[in-house]
Amino acid sequence: MRKRWWVTVLLVSAVFFCSSFHPDFAHSARKMVSIASGWVVGVYFPLAGAISRIAHEKLPDIKITVESSGASVANAKLIGTGDADLAIIRLNAPYEPREGFLERFFHAGDLDFKGEEKARILAILAQVPSIVDIYLERPAVIPEIAEKSAALLADFGASDAAVLDVIFGRFPPSGKLPFEMPSSMEAVRRQKEDVPYDSEEPLFPFGYGLTY
């Protein structure tokens, strides 16, 4: 029986799925990948084209096409119905919006996700294996996200194409953390203001980073 595999890219608004995909995919008779993205006049359709080119380099024997779809709404439905097999999620480090002309330009406040936003992210991670990429303009407290994600990437201002290059193996990750990632907001509040890297049992220490 033919099996359809879906890979959902959230917040980038692209989806791709494979027909007849299984562990012996390389030996299957039918080799097709269809990437579903937003409308052809939007910003995500060209991104889907970039994904298709990167995937084709790694899977030259696979026929890859790009199709217009309902983007983020369709992606959420795929996860909600359990049809997605993998999600790629791009996040920004959390912050608390502030009032005032200048304060609106500088992100401040607690370092953790809260309430509905945190629940939404964890719900996705609980339903489908997920690769999480987080933009670290400031440290973030993300122990649950780190624990439940299939893979965790950090960037300091990377384009969608650059993140996809790392995910698809075109370029190895090589950066190191310029600060530590605390394990909780309680640990952050117990830090001394004039001592760097002194939080209790940090999730990731200063200078941490993996490659392959």
C-alpha atoms as a PDB file:
ATOM      1  CA  MET A   1       0.000   0.000   0.000  1.00  0.00           C
ATOM      2  CA  ARG A   2       1.315   3.421  -0.906  1.00  0.00           C
ATOM      3  CA  LYS A   3       2.319   5.564   2.071  1.00  0.00           C
ATOM      4  CA  ARG A   4       2.437   9.346   1.975  1.00  0.00           C
ATOM      5  CA  TRP A   5       4.944  11.137   4.191  1.00  0.00           C
ATOM      6  CA  TRP A   6       4.519  14.802   5.011  1.00  0.00           C
ATOM      7  CA  VAL A   7       7.189  17.163   6.288  1.00  0.00           C
ATOM      8  CA  THR A   8       5.793  20.431   7.586  1.00  0.00           C
ATOM      9  CA  VAL A   9       7.822  23.615   7.828  1.00  0.00           C
ATOM     10  CA  LEU A  10       6.093  25.986  10.233  1.00  0.00           C
ATOM     11  CA  LEU A  11       6.635  29.748  10.308  1.00  0.00           C
ATOM     12  CA  VAL A  12       8.442  29.329   7.005  1.00  0.00           C
ATOM     13  CA  SER A  13       5.110  28.220   5.538  1.00  0.00           C
ATOM     14  CA  ALA A  14       6.241  25.395   3.300  1.00  0.00           C
ATOM     15  CA  VAL A  15       5.316  21.737   3.303  1.00  0.00           C
ATOM     16  CA  PHE A  16       6.749  18.821   1.449  1.00  0.00           C
ATOM     17  CA  PHE A  17       5.595  15.252   1.347  1.00  0.00           C
ATOM     18  CA  CYS A  18       6.870  12.079  -0.271  1.00  0.00           C
ATOM     19  CA  SER A  19       4.836   9.426  -1.987  1.00  0.00           C
ATOM     20  CA  SER A  20       6.023   5.841  -1.515  1.00  0.00           C
ATOM     21  CA  PHE A  21       8.569   6.888   1.125  1.00  0.00           C
ATOM     22  CA  HIS A  22       9.846   4.239   3.549  1.00  0.00           C
ATOM     23  CA  PRO A  23      13.209   2.952   4.909  1.00  0.00           C
ATOM     24  CA  ASP A  24      13.914   1.290   1.552  1.00  0.00           C
ATOM     25  CA  PHE A  25      12.980   4.451  -0.335  1.00  0.00           C
ATOM     26  CA  ALA A  26      16.134   4.360  -2.413  1.00  0.00           C
ATOM     27  CA  HIS A  27      14.989   1.018  -3.865  1.00  0.00           C
ATOM     28  CA  SER A  28      11.318   1.875  -4.367  1.00  0.00           C
ATOM     29  CA  ALA A  29       9.835   1.957  -7.835  1.00  0.00           C
ATOM     30  CA  ARG A  30       8.157   5.342  -7.476  1.00  0.00           C
ATOM     31  CA  LYS A  31      10.249   8.244  -6.259  1.00  0.00           C
ATOM     32  CA  MET A  32       8.351  11.525  -5.980  1.00  0.00           C
ATOM     33  CA  VAL A  33       8.469  14.493  -3.623  1.00  0.00           C
ATOM     34  CA  SER A  34       5.913  17.295  -3.767  1.00  0.00           C
ATOM     35  CA  ILE A  35       6.626  20.533  -1.880  1.00  0.00           C
ATOM     36  CA  ALA A  36       3.516  22.518  -0.987  1.00  0.00           C
ATOM     37  CA  SER A  37       4.003  26.205  -0.221  1.00  0.00           C
ATOM     38  CA  GLY A  38       2.054  29.481  -0.185  1.00  0.00           C
ATOM     39  CA  TRP A  39       0.577  31.328  -3.128  1.00  0.00           C
ATOM     40  CA  VAL A  40       2.803  31.781  -6.176  1.00  0.00           C
ATOM     41  CA  VAL A  41       2.838  35.571  -5.630  1.00  0.00           C
ATOM     42  CA  GLY A  42       3.950  35.286  -1.999  1.00  0.00           C
ATOM     43  CA  VAL A  43       7.394  35.114  -0.410  1.00  0.00           C
ATOM     44  CA  TYR A  44       7.245  31.407   0.471  1.00  0.00           C
ATOM     45  CA  PHE A  45       6.819  29.945  -2.990  1.00  0.00           C
ATOM     46  CA  PRO A  46      10.415  30.877  -3.972  1.00  0.00           C
ATOM     47  CA  LEU A  47      11.565  29.350  -0.669  1.00  0.00           C
ATOM     48  CA  ALA A  48       9.881  26.078  -1.608  1.00  0.00           C
ATOM     49  CA  GLY A  49      11.813  26.233  -4.860  1.00  0.00           C
ATOM     50  CA  ALA A  50      15.047  26.626  -2.880  1.00  0.00           C
ATOM     51  CA  ILE A  51      14.127  23.606  -0.730  1.00  0.00           C
ATOM     52  CA  SER A  52      13.478  21.564  -3.862  1.00  0.00           C
ATOM     53  CA  ARG A  53      16.891  22.430  -5.319  1.00  0.00           C
ATOM     54  CA  ILE A  54      18.692  21.544  -2.091  1.00  0.00           C
ATOM     55  CA  ALA A  55      16.758  18.279  -1.739  1.00  0.00           C
ATOM     56  CA  HIS A  56      17.423  17.365  -5.362  1.00  0.00           C
ATOM     57  CA  GLU A  57      21.176  17.733  -4.796  1.00  0.00           C
ATOM     58  CA  LYS A  58      20.960  15.163  -1.996  1.00  0.00           C
ATOM     59  CA  LEU A  59      18.383  12.960  -3.759  1.00  0.00           C
ATOM     60  CA  PRO A  60      19.182  13.235  -7.478  1.00  0.00           C
ATOM     61  CA  ASP A  61      17.041  10.227  -8.386  1.00  0.00           C
ATOM     62  CA  ILE A  62      13.905  11.748  -6.851  1.00  0.00           C
ATOM     63  CA  LYS A  63      11.390  13.743  -8.893  1.00  0.00           C
ATOM     64  CA  ILE A  64      10.694  16.951  -6.941  1.00  0.00           C
ATOM     65  CA  THR A  65       7.915  19.419  -7.741  1.00  0.00           C
ATOM     66  CA  VAL A  66       6.615  22.592  -6.054  1.00  0.00           C
ATOM     67  CA  GLU A  67       2.888  23.235  -5.595  1.00  0.00           C
ATOM     68  CA  SER A  68       0.893  26.178  -4.276  1.00  0.00           C
ATOM     69  CA  SER A  69      -1.116  25.494  -1.096  1.00  0.00           C
ATOM     70  CA  GLY A  70      -2.693  27.115   1.946  1.00  0.00           C
ATOM     71  CA  ALA A  71       0.709  27.628   3.609  1.00  0.00           C
ATOM     72  CA  SER A  72       0.627  28.006   7.425  1.00  0.00           C
ATOM     73  CA  VAL A  73      -3.061  27.136   7.795  1.00  0.00           C
ATOM     74  CA  ALA A  74      -2.603  23.938   5.791  1.00  0.00           C
ATOM     75  CA  ASN A  75       0.557  23.108   7.758  1.00  0.00           C
ATOM     76  CA  ALA A  76      -1.266  23.433  11.072  1.00  0.00           C
ATOM     77  CA  LYS A  77      -4.034  21.158   9.820  1.00  0.00           C
ATOM     78  CA  LEU A  78      -1.509  18.510   8.800  1.00  0.00           C
ATOM     79  CA  ILE A  79      -0.063  18.453  12.304  1.00  0.00           C
ATOM     80  CA  GLY A  80      -3.477  18.613  13.978  1.00  0.00           C
ATOM     81  CA  THR A  81      -4.707  15.576  12.044  1.00  0.00           C
ATOM     82  CA  GLY A  82      -1.497  13.627  12.649  1.00  0.00           C
ATOM     83  CA  ASP A  83      -0.614  13.525   8.938  1.00  0.00           C
ATOM     84  CA  ALA A  84       2.746  15.285   9.251  1.00  0.00           C
ATOM     85  CA  ASP A  85       5.844  13.155   9.799  1.00  0.00           C
ATOM     86  CA  LEU A  86       8.316  15.944  10.522  1.00  0.00           C
ATOM     87  CA  ALA A  87       8.164  19.664  11.358  1.00  0.00           C
ATOM     88  CA  ILE A  88      10.789  22.382  10.984  1.00  0.00           C
ATOM     89  CA  ILE A  89      10.064  25.344  13.279  1.00  0.00           C
ATOM     90  CA  ARG A  90      11.808  28.722  13.315  1.00  0.00           C
ATOM     91  CA  LEU A  91      11.469  30.753  16.521  1.00  0.00           C
ATOM     92  CA  ASN A  92      12.665  34.084  17.872  1.00  0.00           C
ATOM     93  CA  ALA A  93      14.063  34.297  21.400  1.00  0.00           C
ATOM     94  CA  PRO A  94      11.191  35.310  23.698  1.00  0.00           C
ATOM     95  CA  TYR A  95      10.876  38.796  25.175  1.00  0.00           C
ATOM     96  CA  GLU A  96       8.295  41.028  26.823  1.00  0.00           C
ATOM     97  CA  PRO A  97       6.958  43.914  24.706  1.00  0.00           C
ATOM     98  CA  ARG A  98       7.459  47.243  26.471  1.00  0.00           C
ATOM     99  CA  GLU A  99       5.752  50.622  26.182  1.00  0.00           C
ATOM    100  CA  GLY A 100       7.668  53.737  25.330  1.00  0.00           C
ATOM    101  CA  PHE A 101       9.384  54.987  22.195  1.00  0.00           C
ATOM    102  CA  LEU A 102      12.873  53.646  22.924  1.00  0.00           C
ATOM    103  CA  GLU A 103      11.909  50.508  24.848  1.00  0.00           C
ATOM    104  CA  ARG A 104      10.007  49.177  21.852  1.00  0.00           C
ATOM    105  CA  PHE A 105      13.307  48.947  19.964  1.00  0.00           C
ATOM    106  CA  PHE A 106      15.103  46.898  22.640  1.00  0.00           C
ATOM    107  CA  HIS A 107      13.866  43.454  23.601  1.00  0.00           C
ATOM    108  CA  ALA A 108      13.887  42.905  27.358  1.00  0.00           C
ATOM    109  CA  GLY A 109      12.079  41.037  30.130  1.00  0.00           C
ATOM    110  CA  ASP A 110      11.897  37.328  30.930  1.00  0.00           C
ATOM    111  CA  LEU A 111      13.774  34.889  28.710  1.00  0.00           C
ATOM    112  CA  ASP A 112      11.181  32.088  28.573  1.00  0.00           C
ATOM    113  CA  PHE A 113       8.108  31.402  26.457  1.00  0.00           C
ATOM    114  CA  LYS A 114       4.874  31.669  28.392  1.00  0.00           C
ATOM    115  CA  GLY A 115       1.195  30.764  28.274  1.00  0.00           C
ATOM    116  CA  GLU A 116      -0.449  29.965  24.958  1.00  0.00           C
ATOM    117  CA  GLU A 117       2.710  30.502  22.928  1.00  0.00           C
ATOM    118  CA  LYS A 118       4.665  27.954  24.961  1.00  0.00           C
ATOM    119  CA  ALA A 119       1.743  25.518  24.940  1.00  0.00           C
ATOM    120  CA  ARG A 120       1.416  25.800  21.151  1.00  0.00           C
ATOM    121  CA  ILE A 121       5.114  25.047  20.603  1.00  0.00           C
ATOM    122  CA  LEU A 122       5.146  22.093  23.007  1.00  0.00           C
ATOM    123  CA  ALA A 123       1.952  20.708  21.459  1.00  0.00           C
ATOM    124  CA  ILE A 124       3.662  20.578  18.061  1.00  0.00           C
ATOM    125  CA  LEU A 125       6.746  18.905  19.550  1.00  0.00           C
ATOM    126  CA  ALA A 126       4.517  16.314  21.243  1.00  0.00           C
ATOM    127  CA  GLN A 127       2.702  15.432  18.019  1.00  0.00           C
ATOM    128  CA  VAL A 128       5.493  15.193  15.468  1.00  0.00           C
ATOM    129  CA  PRO A 129       9.322  14.953  15.452  1.00  0.00           C
ATOM    130  CA  SER A 130      10.496  18.551  15.074  1.00  0.00           C
ATOM    131  CA  ILE A 131      13.678  20.392  14.146  1.00  0.00           C
ATOM    132  CA  VAL A 132      13.702  23.706  16.027  1.00  0.00           C
ATOM    133  CA  ASP A 133      15.800  26.677  14.937  1.00  0.00           C
ATOM    134  CA  ILE A 134      15.817  29.657  17.317  1.00  0.00           C
ATOM    135  CA  TYR A 135      17.163  33.133  16.603  1.00  0.00           C
ATOM    136  CA  LEU A 136      19.205  34.075  19.675  1.00  0.00           C
ATOM    137  CA  GLU A 137      19.360  37.852  19.679  1.00  0.00           C
ATOM    138  CA  ARG A 138      19.393  37.327  23.467  1.00  0.00           C
ATOM    139  CA  PRO A 139      19.657  34.245  25.713  1.00  0.00           C
ATOM    140  CA  ALA A 140      16.580  32.057  25.993  1.00  0.00           C
ATOM    141  CA  VAL A 141      15.256  29.692  28.663  1.00  0.00           C
ATOM    142  CA  ILE A 142      13.997  26.707  26.663  1.00  0.00           C
ATOM    143  CA  PRO A 143      14.603  23.462  28.623  1.00  0.00           C
ATOM    144  CA  GLU A 144      11.319  21.822  27.556  1.00  0.00           C
ATOM    145  CA  ILE A 145      11.826  22.754  23.910  1.00  0.00           C
ATOM    146  CA  ALA A 146      15.402  21.440  23.967  1.00  0.00           C
ATOM    147  CA  GLU A 147      14.252  18.181  25.566  1.00  0.00           C
ATOM    148  CA  LYS A 148      11.340  17.504  23.233  1.00  0.00           C
ATOM    149  CA  SER A 149      12.807  18.639  19.897  1.00  0.00           C
ATOM    150  CA  ALA A 150      14.352  16.086  17.563  1.00  0.00           C
ATOM    151  CA  ALA A 151      17.153  18.575  16.827  1.00  0.00           C
ATOM    152  CA  LEU A 152      17.893  22.086  18.085  1.00  0.00           C
ATOM    153  CA  LEU A 153      19.689  24.766  16.077  1.00  0.00           C
ATOM    154  CA  ALA A 154      20.623  28.290  17.166  1.00  0.00           C
ATOM    155  CA  ASP A 155      21.269  31.158  14.788  1.00  0.00           C
ATOM    156  CA  PHE A 156      22.274  34.785  15.174  1.00  0.00           C
ATOM    157  CA  GLY A 157      20.627  36.150  12.052  1.00  0.00           C
ATOM    158  CA  ALA A 158      20.535  33.382   9.414  1.00  0.00           C
ATOM    159  CA  SER A 159      18.349  33.391   6.318  1.00  0.00           C
ATOM    160  CA  ASP A 160      15.910  30.572   5.556  1.00  0.00           C
ATOM    161  CA  ALA A 161      18.277  29.334   2.855  1.00  0.00           C
ATOM    162  CA  ALA A 162      21.227  29.213   5.279  1.00  0.00           C
ATOM    163  CA  VAL A 163      19.238  27.230   7.852  1.00  0.00           C
ATOM    164  CA  LEU A 164      18.111  24.797   5.148  1.00  0.00           C
ATOM    165  CA  ASP A 165      21.740  24.359   4.042  1.00  0.00           C
ATOM    166  CA  VAL A 166      22.566  23.141   7.569  1.00  0.00           C
ATOM    167  CA  ILE A 167      19.472  20.944   7.886  1.00  0.00           C
ATOM    168  CA  PHE A 168      20.082  19.266   4.513  1.00  0.00           C
ATOM    169  CA  GLY A 169      23.811  18.829   5.158  1.00  0.00           C
ATOM    170  CA  ARG A 170      25.152  21.303   2.594  1.00  0.00           C
ATOM    171  CA  PHE A 171      27.027  23.172   5.326  1.00  0.00           C
ATOM    172  CA  PRO A 172      28.050  21.965   8.817  1.00  0.00           C
ATOM    173  CA  PRO A 173      27.016  24.015  11.857  1.00  0.00           C
ATOM    174  CA  SER A 174      30.083  25.647  13.383  1.00  0.00           C
ATOM    175  CA  GLY A 175      29.064  28.453  15.754  1.00  0.00           C
ATOM    176  CA  LYS A 176      29.563  28.638  19.512  1.00  0.00           C
ATOM    177  CA  LEU A 177      27.297  30.230  22.098  1.00  0.00           C
ATOM    178  CA  PRO A 178      28.466  33.744  23.055  1.00  0.00           C
ATOM    179  CA  PHE A 179      26.523  33.412  26.316  1.00  0.00           C
ATOM    180  CA  GLU A 180      25.121  30.592  28.409  1.00  0.00           C
ATOM    181  CA  MET A 181      21.553  29.347  28.113  1.00  0.00           C
ATOM    182  CA  PRO A 182      20.024  29.271  31.619  1.00  0.00           C
ATOM    183  CA  SER A 183      17.950  26.297  32.708  1.00  0.00           C
ATOM    184  CA  SER A 184      15.190  28.353  34.357  1.00  0.00           C
ATOM    185  CA  MET A 185      14.079  31.891  35.123  1.00  0.00           C
ATOM    186  CA  GLU A 186      14.720  31.145  38.803  1.00  0.00           C
ATOM    187  CA  ALA A 187      18.384  30.520  37.957  1.00  0.00           C
ATOM    188  CA  VAL A 188      18.453  33.800  36.017  1.00  0.00           C
ATOM    189  CA  ARG A 189      17.067  35.773  38.962  1.00  0.00           C
ATOM    190  CA  ARG A 190      19.686  34.278  41.287  1.00  0.00           C
ATOM    191  CA  GLN A 191      22.563  35.413  39.062  1.00  0.00           C
ATOM    192  CA  LYS A 192      24.877  38.214  40.157  1.00  0.00           C
ATOM    193  CA  GLU A 193      24.624  41.312  38.004  1.00  0.00           C
ATOM    194  CA  ASP A 194      28.389  41.761  37.630  1.00  0.00           C
ATOM    195  CA  VAL A 195      29.460  38.111  37.133  1.00  0.00           C
ATOM    196  CA  PRO A 196      29.126  36.460  33.696  1.00  0.00           C
ATOM    197  CA  TYR A 197      28.179  32.830  33.139  1.00  0.00           C
ATOM    198  CA  ASP A 198      27.209  32.160  36.750  1.00  0.00           C
ATOM    199  CA  SER A 199      23.694  30.677  36.454  1.00  0.00           C
ATOM    200  CA  GLU A 200      23.100  27.385  38.255  1.00  0.00           C
ATOM    201  CA  GLU A 201      23.326  24.282  36.046  1.00  0.00           C
ATOM    202  CA  PRO A 202      22.875  26.065  32.694  1.00  0.00           C
ATOM    203  CA  LEU A 203      21.084  24.223  29.935  1.00  0.00           C
ATOM    204  CA  PHE A 204      23.998  24.986  27.592  1.00  0.00           C
ATOM    205  CA  PRO A 205      27.217  26.639  28.887  1.00  0.00           C
ATOM    206  CA  PHE A 206      29.086  29.544  27.327  1.00  0.00           C
ATOM    207  CA  GLY A 207      30.985  28.402  24.228  1.00  0.00           C
ATOM    208  CA  TYR A 208      28.811  25.337  23.642  1.00  0.00           C
ATOM    209  CA  GLY A 209      28.260  24.154  20.092  1.00  0.00           C
ATOM    210  CA  LEU A 210      28.191  20.927  18.083  1.00  0.00           C
ATOM    211  CA  THR A 211      29.099  20.174  14.489  1.00  0.00           C
ATOM    212  CA  TYR A 212      29.202  17.219  12.110  1.00  0.00           C
END
